Amino acid sequence: MSPRETDAPLPIRMLNDRLLVELDADASERRSSAGIVIPATAAVGKRLTWGAVVAAGQHVRQVAVGDRVLFDPDERAEVELEARTYLLLREKDVHAVAAPRDGGQGTGLYL
């Protein structure tokens, strides 16, 4: 299932090993285990980000459209399509792909 709200195809075709990723909605802020809200601007060590793949080039081998991927937000380029912001990554910039749960829903990760 695509993370986009509409099922209309994007007006773009990715080439080679490129990925078009939409950031998770909760990427801007997070909560500590005690429930304290930590803003995205808080100074912390290098923090990786989750996003959903919405398009992939023909030479991408280990990532598929709809996968949730973990990547470094400093190694990215932004592009705006149809009034939405996406990130452009190379497949080698992806650190991990979230594994689905046994029921086939969600990521199975509790981070």
C-alpha atoms as a PDB file:
ATOM      1  CA  MET A   1       0.000   0.000   0.000  1.00  0.00           C
ATOM      2  CA  SER A   2       1.406   3.346  -1.024  1.00  0.00           C
ATOM      3  CA  PRO A   3       1.956   6.015   1.653  1.00  0.00           C
ATOM      4  CA  ARG A   4       0.518   8.619  -0.700  1.00  0.00           C
ATOM      5  CA  GLU A   5      -3.074   9.700  -0.161  1.00  0.00           C
ATOM      6  CA  THR A   6      -3.974   9.374  -3.865  1.00  0.00           C
ATOM      7  CA  ASP A   7      -3.280   6.485  -6.197  1.00  0.00           C
ATOM      8  CA  ALA A   8      -2.393   8.731  -9.153  1.00  0.00           C
ATOM      9  CA  PRO A   9       1.085   7.955 -10.518  1.00  0.00           C
ATOM     10  CA  LEU A  10       3.842  10.495  -9.983  1.00  0.00           C
ATOM     11  CA  PRO A  11       4.907  12.529 -13.036  1.00  0.00           C
ATOM     12  CA  ILE A  12       8.451  11.148 -12.780  1.00  0.00           C
ATOM     13  CA  ARG A  13      10.375   7.980 -13.659  1.00  0.00           C
ATOM     14  CA  MET A  14      13.415   7.213 -11.541  1.00  0.00           C
ATOM     15  CA  LEU A  15      16.637   6.177 -13.287  1.00  0.00           C
ATOM     16  CA  ASN A  16      19.417   3.728 -12.412  1.00  0.00           C
ATOM     17  CA  ASP A  17      19.797   3.167  -8.643  1.00  0.00           C
ATOM     18  CA  ARG A  18      17.794   6.207  -7.512  1.00  0.00           C
ATOM     19  CA  LEU A  19      14.957   6.146  -4.973  1.00  0.00           C
ATOM     20  CA  LEU A  20      12.223   8.695  -4.335  1.00  0.00           C
ATOM     21  CA  VAL A  21      11.365   8.650  -0.627  1.00  0.00           C
ATOM     22  CA  GLU A  22       8.602  10.340   1.358  1.00  0.00           C
ATOM     23  CA  LEU A  23       9.548  11.151   4.961  1.00  0.00           C
ATOM     24  CA  ASP A  24       7.495   9.600   7.736  1.00  0.00           C
ATOM     25  CA  ALA A  25       5.024  12.032   9.292  1.00  0.00           C
ATOM     26  CA  ASP A  26       6.612  11.597  12.734  1.00  0.00           C
ATOM     27  CA  ALA A  27      10.127  12.494  11.498  1.00  0.00           C
ATOM     28  CA  SER A  28       9.883  16.060  12.803  1.00  0.00           C
ATOM     29  CA  GLU A  29       9.680  15.298  16.519  1.00  0.00           C
ATOM     30  CA  ARG A  30       9.813  12.276  18.774  1.00  0.00           C
ATOM     31  CA  ARG A  31       9.021  11.259  22.357  1.00  0.00           C
ATOM     32  CA  SER A  32      11.361   9.911  24.995  1.00  0.00           C
ATOM     33  CA  SER A  33      10.484   6.749  26.911  1.00  0.00           C
ATOM     34  CA  ALA A  34       9.156   9.019  29.690  1.00  0.00           C
ATOM     35  CA  GLY A  35       6.808  10.786  27.242  1.00  0.00           C
ATOM     36  CA  ILE A  36       8.779  14.023  26.868  1.00  0.00           C
ATOM     37  CA  VAL A  37       8.485  15.575  23.376  1.00  0.00           C
ATOM     38  CA  ILE A  38      11.898  16.112  21.758  1.00  0.00           C
ATOM     39  CA  PRO A  39      11.785  18.632  18.875  1.00  0.00           C
ATOM     40  CA  ALA A  40      13.609  17.914  15.602  1.00  0.00           C
ATOM     41  CA  THR A  41      15.931  20.864  16.281  1.00  0.00           C
ATOM     42  CA  ALA A  42      17.307  19.333  19.497  1.00  0.00           C
ATOM     43  CA  ALA A  43      21.055  18.716  19.324  1.00  0.00           C
ATOM     44  CA  VAL A  44      21.747  14.992  19.449  1.00  0.00           C
ATOM     45  CA  GLY A  45      24.268  12.656  17.864  1.00  0.00           C
ATOM     46  CA  LYS A  46      23.893  11.578  14.277  1.00  0.00           C
ATOM     47  CA  ARG A  47      20.276  10.429  13.926  1.00  0.00           C
ATOM     48  CA  LEU A  48      18.961   8.365  11.030  1.00  0.00           C
ATOM     49  CA  THR A  49      15.482   8.887   9.549  1.00  0.00           C
ATOM     50  CA  TRP A  50      12.698   6.578   8.325  1.00  0.00           C
ATOM     51  CA  GLY A  51      10.848   7.128   5.069  1.00  0.00           C
ATOM     52  CA  ALA A  52       8.665   5.266   2.554  1.00  0.00           C
ATOM     53  CA  VAL A  53       9.849   4.507  -0.991  1.00  0.00           C
ATOM     54  CA  VAL A  54       7.359   5.864  -3.561  1.00  0.00           C
ATOM     55  CA  ALA A  55       9.425   5.281  -6.736  1.00  0.00           C
ATOM     56  CA  ALA A  56      12.538   3.287  -7.661  1.00  0.00           C
ATOM     57  CA  GLY A  57      14.873   3.134 -10.650  1.00  0.00           C
ATOM     58  CA  GLN A  58      15.299   0.031 -12.795  1.00  0.00           C
ATOM     59  CA  HIS A  59      18.682  -0.905 -11.251  1.00  0.00           C
ATOM     60  CA  VAL A  60      17.489  -0.883  -7.629  1.00  0.00           C
ATOM     61  CA  ARG A  61      17.900  -4.454  -6.353  1.00  0.00           C
ATOM     62  CA  GLN A  62      17.142  -4.647  -2.638  1.00  0.00           C
ATOM     63  CA  VAL A  63      14.443  -2.021  -2.112  1.00  0.00           C
ATOM     64  CA  ALA A  64      10.896  -2.001  -3.500  1.00  0.00           C
ATOM     65  CA  VAL A  65       8.201   0.649  -3.772  1.00  0.00           C
ATOM     66  CA  GLY A  66       6.276   0.711  -0.488  1.00  0.00           C
ATOM     67  CA  ASP A  67       9.255  -0.350   1.672  1.00  0.00           C
ATOM     68  CA  ARG A  68      10.151   1.630   4.770  1.00  0.00           C
ATOM     69  CA  VAL A  69      13.836   2.561   4.668  1.00  0.00           C
ATOM     70  CA  LEU A  70      16.353   3.966   7.148  1.00  0.00           C
ATOM     71  CA  PHE A  71      18.803   6.591   5.865  1.00  0.00           C
ATOM     72  CA  ASP A  72      21.003   9.507   6.900  1.00  0.00           C
ATOM     73  CA  PRO A  73      19.024  12.754   6.454  1.00  0.00           C
ATOM     74  CA  ASP A  74      22.262  14.688   5.771  1.00  0.00           C
ATOM     75  CA  GLU A  75      22.891  12.692   2.553  1.00  0.00           C
ATOM     76  CA  ARG A  76      19.807  13.724   0.607  1.00  0.00           C
ATOM     77  CA  ALA A  77      18.412  16.025  -2.038  1.00  0.00           C
ATOM     78  CA  GLU A  78      14.859  17.367  -1.877  1.00  0.00           C
ATOM     79  CA  VAL A  79      12.428  17.638  -4.774  1.00  0.00           C
ATOM     80  CA  GLU A  80       8.859  18.957  -4.856  1.00  0.00           C
ATOM     81  CA  LEU A  81       6.275  17.127  -6.969  1.00  0.00           C
ATOM     82  CA  GLU A  82       2.575  17.945  -6.992  1.00  0.00           C
ATOM     83  CA  ALA A  83       2.991  20.235  -3.946  1.00  0.00           C
ATOM     84  CA  ARG A  84       4.609  17.458  -1.840  1.00  0.00           C
ATOM     85  CA  THR A  85       8.253  17.246  -0.804  1.00  0.00           C
ATOM     86  CA  TYR A  86      10.187  14.050  -1.493  1.00  0.00           C
ATOM     87  CA  LEU A  87      13.802  13.034  -0.985  1.00  0.00           C
ATOM     88  CA  LEU A  88      16.069  11.695  -3.705  1.00  0.00           C
ATOM     89  CA  LEU A  89      18.502   8.975  -2.579  1.00  0.00           C
ATOM     90  CA  ARG A  90      20.804   6.394  -4.113  1.00  0.00           C
ATOM     91  CA  GLU A  91      20.222   2.791  -3.086  1.00  0.00           C
ATOM     92  CA  LYS A  92      23.690   2.707  -1.481  1.00  0.00           C
ATOM     93  CA  ASP A  93      22.618   5.532   0.897  1.00  0.00           C
ATOM     94  CA  VAL A  94      19.929   3.309   2.468  1.00  0.00           C
ATOM     95  CA  HIS A  95      21.131   1.672   5.692  1.00  0.00           C
ATOM     96  CA  ALA A  96      18.212  -0.721   6.280  1.00  0.00           C
ATOM     97  CA  VAL A  97      14.781  -1.824   5.102  1.00  0.00           C
ATOM     98  CA  ALA A  98      12.146  -2.473   7.770  1.00  0.00           C
ATOM     99  CA  ALA A  99      10.968  -6.086   7.880  1.00  0.00           C
ATOM    100  CA  PRO A 100       7.175  -6.637   7.843  1.00  0.00           C
ATOM    101  CA  ARG A 101       5.449  -8.190  10.836  1.00  0.00           C
ATOM    102  CA  ASP A 102       4.187 -11.765  10.708  1.00  0.00           C
ATOM    103  CA  GLY A 103       0.686 -10.480   9.916  1.00  0.00           C
ATOM    104  CA  GLY A 104       2.045  -8.478   6.984  1.00  0.00           C
ATOM    105  CA  GLN A 105       1.226  -5.113   8.554  1.00  0.00           C
ATOM    106  CA  GLY A 106       3.579  -2.534  10.011  1.00  0.00           C
ATOM    107  CA  THR A 107       7.333  -2.839  10.386  1.00  0.00           C
ATOM    108  CA  GLY A 108       7.724  -5.026  13.441  1.00  0.00           C
ATOM    109  CA  LEU A 109      10.245  -2.528  14.808  1.00  0.00           C
ATOM    110  CA  TYR A 110       9.768  -0.926  18.202  1.00  0.00           C
ATOM    111  CA  LEU A 111      12.347   1.858  18.246  1.00  0.00           C
END
